[in-house]
Each structure stands twice: as structure tokens, then as C-alpha cells.
Amino acid sequence: MIKLVYGPKGFGKTKIIKDNVNAAAKEAKGNVVFITDEKLYSVDIDLNVKCIFTEEYKVKCVCCFAGFVQGLIAGNSDIEHIFIDGIKRITGEADLVKYEQMFADLKKISDENDVDIELTISADKSELPKFMLDYIA
């Protein structure tokens, strides 16, 4: 399952995803991973959650992001939930249409590995391309 949390900058998406991360950490039988671009965004995350900071791994484009996620799962088959905060900040890509293949790849990764993926994106609902609307909870 993929779930998209959206809203304009300042909407509170990071707080929403942090709350969801911490709730998952309490319930998960497997591992929970939180991916973001800066350590600043990991404040208040349960200590049992693996925090990964993309700035340390030079993940800077839409085309390589799904491969990065697949690599995490390949290295740890016990991952149950992956939370991604600020996909536009991480990739540096503002054109939402360019995320279509990445979303398709993440969906396939999620389905094949039974991993729930939740991510935030700074955009108003009216700005979201049609393919993203399928992932709104």
C-alpha cells in the first residue's frame, strides 16, 4: 500500500507523518524506516525507528529514488513500513508529473515485498497529477 500525505508548505505534513511513524513503531512486528533529507526532521521519532537521511547518500533525483528504497528492502527483509518525508525536498524535482514512474515503481516494490509506504509531498490537491490521486487516503 502507498499512502500520500499532501498539502501546501506549512500545512503540517511532517507532524502528520511523524505521528504515523510513531504509531507504526508501537504496532509493527517488523522494522519501521523513516526517510528524510535532514536530521532536523527526525526529532520526536521513536528510537526504535531507523532514520535514514538522504543527504548522506546523495539521493537527489526522482529516477533513482525507487532504487534507493528497493536497496533498503534488499538489505533488510524485515521492513514493514517506510515513511518518506518531503519527497520534493529529497529529489529536488518540482514538476509533479515527473514522479509518475517513481510512484509506479514504489507501488510495485510495496506490493511485492508487503511493505507499506507513506510519503509527504508539498502540493495542493488541485496541483496533484491524476496518478497521485489514487494514493490519497
Protein backbone atom coordinates (compact mmCIF):
# COMPACT_ATOMS: atom_id res chain seq x y z
CA MET A 1 0.00 0.00 0.00
CA ILE A 2 1.14 3.50 -0.77
CA LYS A 3 -0.36 6.46 1.03
CA LEU A 4 0.22 10.10 0.07
CA VAL A 5 0.01 12.94 2.57
CA TYR A 6 -0.20 16.23 0.70
CA GLY A 7 -0.71 19.91 1.44
CA PRO A 8 0.96 23.25 0.92
CA LYS A 9 4.15 24.17 2.74
CA GLY A 10 3.37 24.80 6.41
CA PHE A 11 0.26 22.58 6.36
CA GLY A 12 1.63 20.18 8.99
CA LYS A 13 2.53 17.20 6.81
CA THR A 14 5.71 16.49 8.78
CA LYS A 15 3.78 16.35 12.06
CA ILE A 16 1.21 14.02 10.49
CA ILE A 17 3.87 11.64 9.18
CA LYS A 18 5.82 11.72 12.46
CA ASP A 19 2.66 10.76 14.34
CA ASN A 20 2.09 7.93 11.84
CA VAL A 21 5.72 6.76 12.17
CA ASN A 22 5.47 6.61 15.95
CA ALA A 23 2.11 4.80 15.83
CA ALA A 24 3.55 2.24 13.40
CA ALA A 25 6.60 1.73 15.64
CA LYS A 26 4.32 0.75 18.53
CA GLU A 27 2.31 -1.75 16.45
CA ALA A 28 4.81 -3.14 13.95
CA LYS A 29 6.14 -6.67 14.23
CA GLY A 30 8.87 -5.80 11.70
CA ASN A 31 11.07 -2.76 11.19
CA VAL A 32 9.94 0.80 10.58
CA VAL A 33 12.06 3.17 8.48
CA PHE A 34 11.81 6.97 8.28
CA ILE A 35 13.48 8.61 5.28
CA THR A 36 14.01 12.35 5.08
CA ASP A 37 16.61 14.76 3.79
CA GLU A 38 17.87 16.34 7.01
CA LYS A 39 18.43 15.20 10.58
CA LEU A 40 16.35 18.14 11.78
CA TYR A 41 13.19 16.38 10.58
CA SER A 42 13.82 13.28 12.70
CA VAL A 43 13.18 14.99 16.03
CA ASP A 44 10.49 13.23 18.07
CA ILE A 45 10.80 9.94 16.18
CA ASP A 46 10.62 6.74 18.25
CA LEU A 47 14.13 5.43 18.95
CA ASN A 48 13.21 2.01 17.51
CA VAL A 49 12.68 3.57 14.08
CA LYS A 50 15.59 3.51 11.64
CA CYS A 51 16.09 7.08 10.40
CA ILE A 52 17.80 7.47 7.05
CA PHE A 53 18.98 10.86 5.86
CA THR A 54 19.21 11.06 2.09
CA GLU A 55 21.70 13.92 2.20
CA GLU A 56 24.24 11.36 3.47
CA TYR A 57 23.63 9.09 0.47
CA LYS A 58 23.44 11.74 -2.27
CA VAL A 59 19.91 10.71 -3.28
CA LYS A 60 18.98 13.72 -5.39
CA CYS A 61 16.75 12.62 -8.25
CA VAL A 62 13.35 11.09 -8.93
CA CYS A 63 14.74 8.39 -11.22
CA CYS A 64 16.99 6.84 -8.56
CA PHE A 65 14.72 7.13 -5.52
CA ALA A 66 12.74 3.89 -6.01
CA GLY A 67 16.04 2.05 -6.45
CA PHE A 68 17.22 3.50 -3.15
CA VAL A 69 14.07 2.17 -1.44
CA GLN A 70 14.46 -1.22 -3.13
CA GLY A 71 18.04 -1.39 -1.85
CA LEU A 72 16.85 -0.78 1.71
CA ILE A 73 14.40 -3.66 1.45
CA ALA A 74 17.00 -5.92 -0.17
CA GLY A 75 19.28 -5.27 2.79
CA ASN A 76 16.56 -5.84 5.39
CA SER A 77 13.63 -8.10 4.55
CA ASP A 78 12.03 -7.35 7.93
CA ILE A 79 10.99 -3.83 6.91
CA GLU A 80 7.24 -3.46 7.35
CA HIS A 81 6.73 0.30 6.98
CA ILE A 82 8.64 3.02 5.13
CA PHE A 83 7.79 6.66 5.73
CA ILE A 84 9.23 9.34 3.45
CA ASP A 85 9.02 12.98 4.47
CA GLY A 86 9.45 15.66 1.81
CA ILE A 87 9.90 13.82 -1.48
CA LYS A 88 10.23 17.12 -3.37
CA ARG A 89 12.95 18.32 -0.98
CA ILE A 90 14.74 14.98 -1.29
CA THR A 91 14.70 14.78 -5.09
CA GLY A 92 14.75 18.48 -5.89
CA GLU A 93 12.10 17.93 -8.57
CA ALA A 94 9.20 20.41 -8.60
CA ASP A 95 7.39 19.00 -11.66
CA LEU A 96 4.94 16.50 -10.15
CA VAL A 97 4.30 14.77 -13.47
CA LYS A 98 7.90 13.51 -13.38
CA TYR A 99 7.06 11.37 -10.32
CA GLU A 100 4.74 9.00 -12.21
CA GLN A 101 7.29 6.25 -12.84
CA MET A 102 8.66 6.56 -9.31
CA PHE A 103 5.16 6.05 -7.86
CA ALA A 104 4.60 3.05 -10.14
CA ASP A 105 7.92 1.58 -9.02
CA LEU A 106 7.17 2.22 -5.33
CA LYS A 107 3.75 0.58 -5.74
CA LYS A 108 5.37 -2.49 -7.27
CA ILE A 109 8.01 -2.59 -4.51
CA SER A 110 5.28 -2.23 -1.87
CA ASP A 111 3.14 -4.99 -3.36
CA GLU A 112 5.97 -7.45 -3.97
CA ASN A 113 7.53 -7.02 -0.53
CA ASP A 114 4.40 -6.43 1.59
CA VAL A 115 5.76 -3.08 2.76
CA ASP A 116 3.54 -0.08 3.46
CA ILE A 117 4.97 3.17 2.08
CA GLU A 118 3.72 6.59 3.15
CA LEU A 119 5.14 9.82 1.82
CA THR A 120 4.57 13.54 2.03
CA ILE A 121 4.54 15.99 -0.84
CA SER A 122 4.18 19.76 -0.72
CA ALA A 123 1.32 20.49 -3.09
CA ASP A 124 -2.31 21.47 -3.00
CA LYS A 125 -4.78 18.79 -4.12
CA SER A 126 -5.56 20.79 -7.26
CA GLU A 127 -1.86 20.57 -8.26
CA LEU A 128 -1.63 16.78 -7.94
CA PRO A 129 -1.48 14.81 -11.19
CA LYS A 130 -4.22 12.21 -11.70
CA PHE A 131 -1.93 9.27 -10.87
CA MET A 132 -1.21 10.69 -7.40
CA LEU A 133 -4.91 10.94 -6.55
CA ASP A 134 -5.04 7.12 -6.38
CA TYR A 135 -2.75 7.20 -3.33
CA ILE A 136 -4.63 9.70 -1.20
CA ALA A 137 -6.06 8.04 1.89
